[in-house]
Amino acid sequence: MRARDLASETWEALDANRGRSLLTVLGIVIGISAVIAMTALIGGIKKALVSSLGLTQAKAVYISVYTGDPITQQDVGYIAQALPDYEFVTGISYGSADVTTQKKQTNAQVMGVSPEFFQAQSRHASSGRLVSSDDLDRMSTVVVIDQNAVGLLFGDADAEAVGRTVRLGNDDYTVIGVLPATGAATGNGITVYVPRTTCCARITGSQTVDQIVAFARDGVDVDQLVKSTKSTLEAHYHVQQDASSEGGTGGGIMVYSMKQIADQLNSTMLAFQLLMTTVASISLVVGGIGIMNMMLTNVTERIREIGLRKALGAKRSDITKQFLLESICLCLAGGVIGIVLGYAGAFGLAKVAGVGIMSGMGGSGGITPVIEPTAVTLATSICVAIGILFGFYPARHAARLDPVESLHFQ
């Protein structure tokens, strides 16, 4: 039988039962769409996290010390001296204050930082500049805000904020720079950045360092450096290892890197991917069984047609090929619908909840699902495999029918 004739007869057979065919492939549609949506979303999340967090953040190490005594710049200096594998070590001081403009008054978390903080965070000003060493030395009353804060404080996220004055606590500060937005504005407060010396003198009234950020040198094993940092600080502060492992405020040392967080996120996404793959596999198996049942029904309904074709000279291989092709076409049709619905669902979910998902994972911005050719190829291959696997028995059953008995079948 020529390929064109085989394709024509396959199309006519499927077209005769369009409604039943569509209902039969629902399992395939659900399974493929789940795989495609999951792959596209996870790929988009990974890409967005790399873009948001920055590759350099993998070298950032965050240190919190809970020993009962306040941490100061002397402790920061000790870490820098004791651990030369760090390119720099800097302290962060946290405070809070009311921030006021002509249009808005709200509470702000104030972070007292140094220029190195922004380097460790891989953050750059979209306009203006960031905190400088001169600002630290002079204890300048300058502030850096993000794009969300611009919209909240000045009524328009696109407003020109650099050079404008805001009142932070009891003092007026000049906005020197604007950072890209780090997520959705909640309206319940913002984060602003001032020189650490200014924060200690005007906001907190204390020289306490609340958190230490260190940045590993190129080529250094960050995981090993985290371990050596923890053991060095445990010895220095006479903290027991089991106490520091808890990392709580009751006493201890907490050391972690962005690389560890990224690894944890990858593990979480892998577990979610395995779960979704399991669910999709069950749906595909159910869909394959539905395909087989429909093909067996088709064979029963077309017994006389099969007998007539065999009486006119059709070979077993011709009958097998036709029913196998029908099964494969059904699965491919379900696969195409599933691919389209999967990507549509991924883009829809990313549009509705993308910013929230990224914020919950510590990133910023939204998610753009990734369309991967390998995923489409894999989905197509799965459909063909299901069509062959679940269509083989009905096809062989049809091919082995006796032509004489088939012609007398009522």
Protein backbone atom coordinates (compact mmCIF):
# COMPACT_ATOMS: atom_id res chain seq x y z
CA MET A 1 0.00 0.00 0.00
CA ARG A 2 1.32 3.40 -0.96
CA ALA A 3 2.04 5.89 1.79
CA ARG A 4 -0.39 8.42 0.32
CA ASP A 5 -3.23 5.89 0.24
CA LEU A 6 -2.42 4.79 3.78
CA ALA A 7 -2.48 8.38 5.03
CA SER A 8 -5.74 9.09 3.21
CA GLU A 9 -7.51 6.06 4.68
CA THR A 10 -6.17 6.88 8.16
CA TRP A 11 -7.53 10.42 7.94
CA GLU A 12 -10.95 9.21 6.76
CA ALA A 13 -11.15 6.69 9.61
CA LEU A 14 -10.29 9.27 12.27
CA ASP A 15 -12.49 11.95 10.74
CA ALA A 16 -15.48 9.63 10.88
CA ASN A 17 -15.27 9.59 14.69
CA ARG A 18 -14.01 13.07 15.51
CA GLY A 19 -15.91 13.46 18.78
CA ARG A 20 -14.83 10.10 20.13
CA SER A 21 -11.25 10.72 19.01
CA LEU A 22 -11.06 14.04 20.85
CA LEU A 23 -12.43 12.53 24.07
CA THR A 24 -10.01 9.62 23.79
CA VAL A 25 -6.90 11.82 23.65
CA LEU A 26 -7.80 13.84 26.77
CA GLY A 27 -5.39 11.82 28.89
CA ILE A 28 -2.59 12.49 26.40
CA VAL A 29 -3.47 16.20 26.32
CA ILE A 30 -3.39 16.49 30.13
CA GLY A 31 -0.13 14.57 30.48
CA ILE A 32 1.75 16.43 27.74
CA SER A 33 0.45 19.85 28.80
CA ALA A 34 1.59 19.16 32.39
CA VAL A 35 5.09 18.20 31.23
CA ILE A 36 5.38 21.19 28.90
CA ALA A 37 4.04 23.72 31.41
CA MET A 38 6.30 22.38 34.16
CA THR A 39 9.40 22.42 31.94
CA ALA A 40 8.69 25.92 30.64
CA LEU A 41 8.01 27.37 34.10
CA ILE A 42 11.01 25.77 35.79
CA GLY A 43 13.25 26.88 32.93
CA GLY A 44 11.85 30.41 33.25
CA ILE A 45 12.34 30.45 37.02
CA LYS A 46 15.96 29.31 36.73
CA LYS A 47 16.69 31.89 34.04
CA ALA A 48 15.02 34.66 36.05
CA LEU A 49 16.89 33.71 39.23
CA VAL A 50 20.24 33.74 37.44
CA SER A 51 19.39 37.12 35.95
CA SER A 52 18.02 38.52 39.21
CA LEU A 53 20.59 37.19 41.65
CA GLY A 54 23.53 37.47 39.31
CA LEU A 55 26.29 34.93 38.83
CA THR A 56 28.63 36.93 41.10
CA GLN A 57 26.25 36.48 44.04
CA ALA A 58 27.32 32.85 44.16
CA LYS A 59 30.51 34.18 45.81
CA ALA A 60 28.67 36.17 48.50
CA VAL A 61 28.72 34.74 52.03
CA TYR A 62 26.43 36.03 54.79
CA ILE A 63 27.47 35.79 58.43
CA SER A 64 25.36 36.34 61.55
CA VAL A 65 26.88 36.03 65.01
CA TYR A 66 24.68 35.53 68.09
CA THR A 67 27.02 35.54 71.09
CA GLY A 68 25.17 37.85 73.44
CA ASP A 69 27.66 40.67 72.88
CA PRO A 70 27.08 43.19 70.06
CA ILE A 71 29.13 42.77 66.88
CA THR A 72 31.15 45.80 65.80
CA GLN A 73 33.50 46.86 63.01
CA GLN A 74 36.35 45.27 64.98
CA ASP A 75 34.73 41.88 64.40
CA VAL A 76 34.41 42.67 60.70
CA GLY A 77 38.11 43.53 60.63
CA TYR A 78 39.00 40.30 62.41
CA ILE A 79 37.16 38.19 59.83
CA ALA A 80 38.89 40.02 56.97
CA GLN A 81 42.29 39.40 58.58
CA ALA A 82 41.69 35.80 59.68
CA LEU A 83 40.20 34.65 56.38
CA PRO A 84 42.29 36.01 53.47
CA ASP A 85 40.26 34.02 50.92
CA TYR A 86 37.68 36.81 51.10
CA GLU A 87 38.14 39.70 48.68
CA PHE A 88 36.34 41.99 51.09
CA VAL A 89 34.24 41.82 54.27
CA THR A 90 31.66 44.47 55.14
CA GLY A 91 29.06 45.02 57.83
CA ILE A 92 25.37 45.89 57.58
CA SER A 93 23.38 47.76 60.21
CA TYR A 94 19.59 47.58 60.29
CA GLY A 95 17.18 50.20 61.56
CA SER A 96 13.74 51.60 60.88
CA ALA A 97 12.33 55.09 60.50
CA ASP A 98 9.42 56.97 59.00
CA VAL A 99 10.12 58.29 55.52
CA THR A 100 8.12 61.32 54.42
CA THR A 101 7.59 63.19 51.15
CA GLN A 102 4.96 65.69 50.05
CA LYS A 103 2.80 62.83 48.77
CA LYS A 104 3.38 60.00 51.24
CA GLN A 105 4.49 58.96 54.70
CA THR A 106 5.36 55.35 55.41
CA ASN A 107 7.65 53.25 57.52
CA ALA A 108 10.95 52.16 55.99
CA GLN A 109 13.49 49.53 56.84
CA VAL A 110 16.82 51.35 56.81
CA MET A 111 19.94 49.42 55.82
CA GLY A 112 23.28 50.98 56.66
CA VAL A 113 25.66 49.70 53.99
CA SER A 114 29.01 50.27 52.34
CA PRO A 115 29.85 50.30 48.59
CA GLU A 116 30.91 46.64 48.81
CA PHE A 117 27.38 45.62 49.79
CA PHE A 118 26.03 46.44 46.33
CA GLN A 119 28.91 44.57 44.71
CA ALA A 120 28.12 41.45 46.73
CA GLN A 121 24.45 41.81 45.77
CA SER A 122 25.27 42.38 42.07
CA ARG A 123 23.05 45.46 42.14
CA HIS A 124 23.57 48.54 40.01
CA ALA A 125 21.81 51.90 39.94
CA SER A 126 19.34 52.38 37.10
CA SER A 127 19.81 56.11 37.61
CA GLY A 128 22.11 58.19 39.78
CA ARG A 129 24.80 56.46 41.85
CA LEU A 130 25.23 54.23 44.88
CA VAL A 131 26.76 54.83 48.30
CA SER A 132 30.47 55.71 48.05
CA SER A 133 33.45 55.62 50.42
CA ASP A 134 33.28 59.42 50.69
CA ASP A 135 29.68 59.11 51.89
CA LEU A 136 30.87 56.77 54.65
CA ASP A 137 33.72 59.06 55.71
CA ARG A 138 31.50 62.15 55.77
CA MET A 139 28.45 60.39 57.25
CA SER A 140 26.50 61.97 54.38
CA THR A 141 22.71 62.23 54.61
CA VAL A 142 22.13 60.54 51.27
CA VAL A 143 19.80 57.66 50.45
CA VAL A 144 19.39 55.06 47.70
CA ILE A 145 15.89 53.72 46.98
CA ASP A 146 14.43 51.26 44.49
CA GLN A 147 11.87 51.78 41.73
CA ASN A 148 8.98 50.55 43.87
CA ALA A 149 9.85 53.10 46.54
CA VAL A 150 9.88 55.83 43.88
CA GLY A 151 6.29 55.01 42.97
CA LEU A 152 5.22 54.82 46.60
CA LEU A 153 6.93 58.03 47.73
CA PHE A 154 6.46 60.23 44.67
CA GLY A 155 3.24 58.86 43.20
CA ASP A 156 4.79 57.67 39.94
CA ALA A 157 7.31 54.84 39.48
CA ASP A 158 8.77 56.70 36.50
CA ALA A 159 9.22 59.98 38.38
CA GLU A 160 12.68 61.55 38.45
CA ALA A 161 13.77 60.84 42.03
CA VAL A 162 17.50 61.55 41.92
CA GLY A 163 18.27 64.89 43.57
CA ARG A 164 14.96 65.08 45.43
CA THR A 165 14.74 65.30 49.21
CA VAL A 166 12.97 62.90 51.55
CA ARG A 167 12.70 63.11 55.31
CA LEU A 168 14.01 60.00 57.04
CA GLY A 169 13.46 60.04 60.76
CA ASN A 170 14.43 63.52 61.96
CA ASP A 171 16.71 64.46 59.06
CA ASP A 172 16.43 65.37 55.39
CA TYR A 173 18.19 63.03 52.96
CA THR A 174 19.01 63.54 49.29
CA VAL A 175 18.14 60.70 46.91
CA ILE A 176 21.39 59.91 45.06
CA GLY A 177 20.40 56.74 43.23
CA VAL A 178 17.56 54.45 42.20
CA LEU A 179 17.81 50.65 42.03
CA PRO A 180 15.68 48.42 39.79
CA ALA A 181 12.57 47.07 41.49
CA THR A 182 13.13 43.91 43.54
CA GLY A 183 9.52 42.65 43.47
CA ALA A 184 5.96 43.83 43.85
CA ALA A 185 5.38 46.86 46.07
CA THR A 186 3.20 45.89 49.02
CA GLY A 187 2.36 49.36 50.28
CA ASN A 188 3.28 48.25 53.81
CA GLY A 189 6.76 49.77 53.91
CA ILE A 190 9.92 49.99 51.86
CA THR A 191 13.65 49.41 52.19
CA VAL A 192 16.10 52.27 51.79
CA TYR A 193 19.90 52.27 51.83
CA VAL A 194 22.10 54.85 53.56
CA PRO A 195 25.82 54.93 54.42
CA ARG A 196 26.45 52.61 57.36
CA THR A 197 28.13 55.37 59.39
CA THR A 198 25.10 57.60 58.86
CA CYS A 199 22.74 54.81 59.92
CA CYS A 200 24.69 54.21 63.13
CA ALA A 201 24.88 57.92 63.98
CA ARG A 202 21.39 59.11 63.00
CA ILE A 203 19.07 56.08 62.81
CA THR A 204 20.13 53.42 65.32
CA GLY A 205 22.38 55.44 67.61
CA SER A 206 24.60 52.38 67.95
CA GLN A 207 27.78 51.08 66.29
CA THR A 208 26.39 47.55 66.25
CA VAL A 209 26.80 45.48 63.08
CA ASP A 210 23.74 43.27 62.55
CA GLN A 211 25.01 41.18 59.65
CA ILE A 212 28.31 40.64 57.89
CA VAL A 213 28.66 40.13 54.15
CA ALA A 214 31.87 38.65 52.74
CA PHE A 215 32.83 38.16 49.10
CA ALA A 216 35.02 35.21 48.08
CA ARG A 217 37.99 35.67 45.78
CA ASP A 218 37.95 34.16 42.29
CA GLY A 219 38.77 30.46 42.22
CA VAL A 220 37.94 29.85 45.89
CA ASP A 221 35.67 26.91 46.78
CA VAL A 222 32.76 28.77 48.39
CA ASP A 223 31.33 25.69 50.13
CA GLN A 224 34.67 24.95 51.76
CA LEU A 225 35.11 28.62 52.65
CA VAL A 226 31.73 28.63 54.41
CA LYS A 227 32.85 25.67 56.54
CA SER A 228 36.22 27.22 57.39
CA THR A 229 34.53 30.54 58.23
CA LYS A 230 32.16 28.82 60.62
CA SER A 231 34.90 26.84 62.37
CA THR A 232 37.14 29.93 62.64
CA LEU A 233 34.38 32.02 64.21
CA GLU A 234 33.34 29.20 66.55
CA ALA A 235 36.90 29.07 67.87
CA HIS A 236 37.17 32.86 68.10
CA TYR A 237 33.90 33.37 69.96
CA HIS A 238 34.15 30.09 71.94
CA VAL A 239 30.85 28.85 70.54
CA GLN A 240 30.12 25.11 70.57
CA GLN A 241 29.54 23.53 67.18
CA ASP A 242 26.12 22.11 68.06
CA ALA A 243 24.99 25.57 69.24
CA SER A 244 26.14 27.30 66.07
CA SER A 245 24.45 24.75 63.87
CA GLU A 246 21.08 25.95 65.11
CA GLY A 247 21.78 29.51 63.98
CA GLY A 248 19.10 30.98 66.25
CA THR A 249 19.06 34.10 68.37
CA GLY A 250 19.67 32.06 71.49
CA GLY A 251 23.39 31.88 70.71
CA GLY A 252 25.45 30.62 67.81
CA ILE A 253 26.89 31.43 64.41
CA MET A 254 25.07 31.26 61.09
CA VAL A 255 27.08 31.22 57.87
CA TYR A 256 25.50 30.64 54.47
CA SER A 257 26.15 31.50 50.84
CA MET A 258 23.91 32.35 47.91
CA LYS A 259 25.30 29.23 46.23
CA GLN A 260 23.79 27.11 49.00
CA ILE A 261 20.45 28.85 48.58
CA ALA A 262 20.61 28.30 44.81
CA ASP A 263 21.40 24.60 45.38
CA GLN A 264 18.42 24.30 47.74
CA LEU A 265 16.16 25.95 45.18
CA ASN A 266 17.41 23.56 42.50
CA SER A 267 16.70 20.60 44.78
CA THR A 268 13.20 21.90 45.48
CA MET A 269 12.48 22.44 41.79
CA LEU A 270 13.86 18.97 40.98
CA ALA A 271 11.53 17.40 43.55
CA PHE A 272 8.59 19.34 42.11
CA GLN A 273 9.62 18.26 38.62
CA LEU A 274 9.72 14.60 39.66
CA LEU A 275 6.29 14.92 41.28
CA MET A 276 4.78 16.51 38.18
CA THR A 277 6.46 13.92 35.95
CA THR A 278 4.89 11.14 38.02
CA VAL A 279 1.44 12.72 37.75
CA ALA A 280 1.90 13.29 34.02
CA SER A 281 3.08 9.69 33.53
CA ILE A 282 -0.07 8.35 35.17
CA SER A 283 -2.17 10.57 32.91
CA LEU A 284 -0.26 9.38 29.84
CA VAL A 285 -0.73 5.72 30.78
CA VAL A 286 -4.46 6.30 31.29
CA GLY A 287 -4.55 8.10 27.95
CA GLY A 288 -2.71 5.21 26.29
CA ILE A 289 -5.22 2.71 27.67
CA GLY A 290 -8.00 4.91 26.32
CA ILE A 291 -6.33 4.88 22.90
CA MET A 292 -6.09 1.07 22.97
CA ASN A 293 -9.75 0.69 23.94
CA MET A 294 -10.84 3.02 21.17
CA MET A 295 -8.72 1.19 18.61
CA LEU A 296 -10.19 -2.16 19.68
CA THR A 297 -13.65 -0.64 19.29
CA ASN A 298 -12.70 0.59 15.82
CA VAL A 299 -11.48 -2.87 14.88
CA THR A 300 -14.79 -4.40 15.99
CA GLU A 301 -16.81 -1.82 14.06
CA ARG A 302 -14.73 -2.34 10.89
CA ILE A 303 -14.44 -6.14 10.86
CA ARG A 304 -16.29 -6.47 7.55
CA GLU A 305 -14.16 -3.72 6.01
CA ILE A 306 -11.02 -5.55 7.15
CA GLY A 307 -12.31 -8.84 5.74
CA LEU A 308 -13.13 -7.22 2.39
CA ARG A 309 -9.69 -5.61 2.14
CA LYS A 310 -7.96 -8.91 2.94
CA ALA A 311 -10.15 -10.73 0.40
CA LEU A 312 -9.05 -8.19 -2.22
CA GLY A 313 -5.37 -8.86 -1.49
CA ALA A 314 -4.43 -6.64 1.45
CA LYS A 315 -1.56 -8.10 3.48
CA ARG A 316 -1.39 -8.40 7.24
CA SER A 317 1.31 -5.74 7.23
CA ASP A 318 -1.03 -3.33 5.41
CA ILE A 319 -3.74 -3.74 8.05
CA THR A 320 -1.18 -3.44 10.87
CA LYS A 321 0.32 -0.28 9.40
CA GLN A 322 -3.06 1.41 8.99
CA PHE A 323 -4.23 0.83 12.55
CA LEU A 324 -0.82 1.66 13.99
CA LEU A 325 -0.80 4.91 12.01
CA GLU A 326 -4.28 5.75 13.30
CA SER A 327 -3.09 5.19 16.88
CA ILE A 328 0.04 7.30 16.37
CA CYS A 329 -1.94 10.11 14.73
CA LEU A 330 -4.38 10.17 17.64
CA CYS A 331 -1.51 10.46 20.12
CA LEU A 332 0.26 13.12 18.04
CA ALA A 333 -2.96 15.14 17.85
CA GLY A 334 -3.25 14.96 21.62
CA GLY A 335 0.42 15.91 21.91
CA VAL A 336 0.04 18.99 19.71
CA ILE A 337 -2.98 20.16 21.71
CA GLY A 338 -1.10 19.44 24.94
CA ILE A 339 1.98 21.41 23.81
CA VAL A 340 -0.13 24.44 22.89
CA LEU A 341 -2.17 24.30 26.12
CA GLY A 342 0.97 23.68 28.19
CA TYR A 343 2.77 26.77 26.91
CA ALA A 344 -0.41 28.85 27.12
CA GLY A 345 -0.90 27.75 30.72
CA ALA A 346 2.75 28.44 31.58
CA PHE A 347 2.63 31.97 30.16
CA GLY A 348 -0.72 32.63 31.84
CA LEU A 349 0.49 31.47 35.25
CA ALA A 350 3.74 33.42 34.86
CA LYS A 351 1.80 36.57 34.05
CA VAL A 352 -0.56 36.20 37.00
CA ALA A 353 1.83 34.94 39.69
CA GLY A 354 5.34 35.35 38.27
CA VAL A 355 6.39 38.29 40.46
CA GLY A 356 5.05 36.59 43.59
CA ILE A 357 6.88 33.35 42.81
CA MET A 358 10.17 35.18 42.26
CA SER A 359 9.77 37.26 45.41
CA GLY A 360 9.12 34.10 47.42
CA MET A 361 12.34 32.59 46.10
CA GLY A 362 14.40 35.65 46.89
CA GLY A 363 14.61 36.96 43.35
CA SER A 364 13.03 39.91 41.62
CA GLY A 365 11.03 40.71 38.51
CA GLY A 366 8.72 38.34 36.69
CA ILE A 367 9.04 35.01 34.90
CA THR A 368 9.21 34.41 31.17
CA PRO A 369 8.61 30.69 30.48
CA VAL A 370 11.32 29.10 28.36
CA ILE A 371 10.27 27.32 25.16
CA GLU A 372 12.78 24.49 24.83
CA PRO A 373 12.99 22.56 21.53
CA THR A 374 14.17 19.51 23.47
CA ALA A 375 10.93 19.53 25.49
CA VAL A 376 8.84 19.68 22.31
CA THR A 377 10.92 16.90 20.75
CA LEU A 378 10.58 14.78 23.89
CA ALA A 379 6.81 15.32 24.00
CA THR A 380 6.50 14.33 20.34
CA SER A 381 8.62 11.21 20.90
CA ILE A 382 6.50 10.23 23.90
CA CYS A 383 3.33 10.55 21.80
CA VAL A 384 4.75 8.35 19.04
CA ALA A 385 5.93 5.78 21.61
CA ILE A 386 2.50 5.67 23.28
CA GLY A 387 0.82 5.34 19.90
CA ILE A 388 3.01 2.36 18.98
CA LEU A 389 2.89 0.73 22.42
CA PHE A 390 -0.87 0.93 22.96
CA GLY A 391 -1.83 0.64 19.30
CA PHE A 392 0.21 -2.47 18.51
CA TYR A 393 -2.18 -5.01 20.06
CA PRO A 394 -5.33 -3.67 18.31
CA ALA A 395 -3.40 -3.46 15.02
CA ARG A 396 -2.14 -7.05 15.29
CA HIS A 397 -5.61 -8.21 16.32
CA ALA A 398 -7.07 -6.61 13.19
CA ALA A 399 -4.36 -8.07 10.96
CA ARG A 400 -4.99 -11.63 12.20
CA LEU A 401 -8.73 -11.65 11.50
CA ASP A 402 -9.90 -14.39 9.15
CA PRO A 403 -11.26 -12.78 5.96
CA VAL A 404 -14.08 -15.33 5.49
CA GLU A 405 -15.35 -14.99 9.07
CA SER A 406 -14.96 -11.23 8.87
CA LEU A 407 -17.13 -10.97 5.77
CA HIS A 408 -19.90 -12.92 7.53
CA PHE A 409 -19.66 -10.82 10.71
CA GLN A 410 -22.90 -9.03 11.61
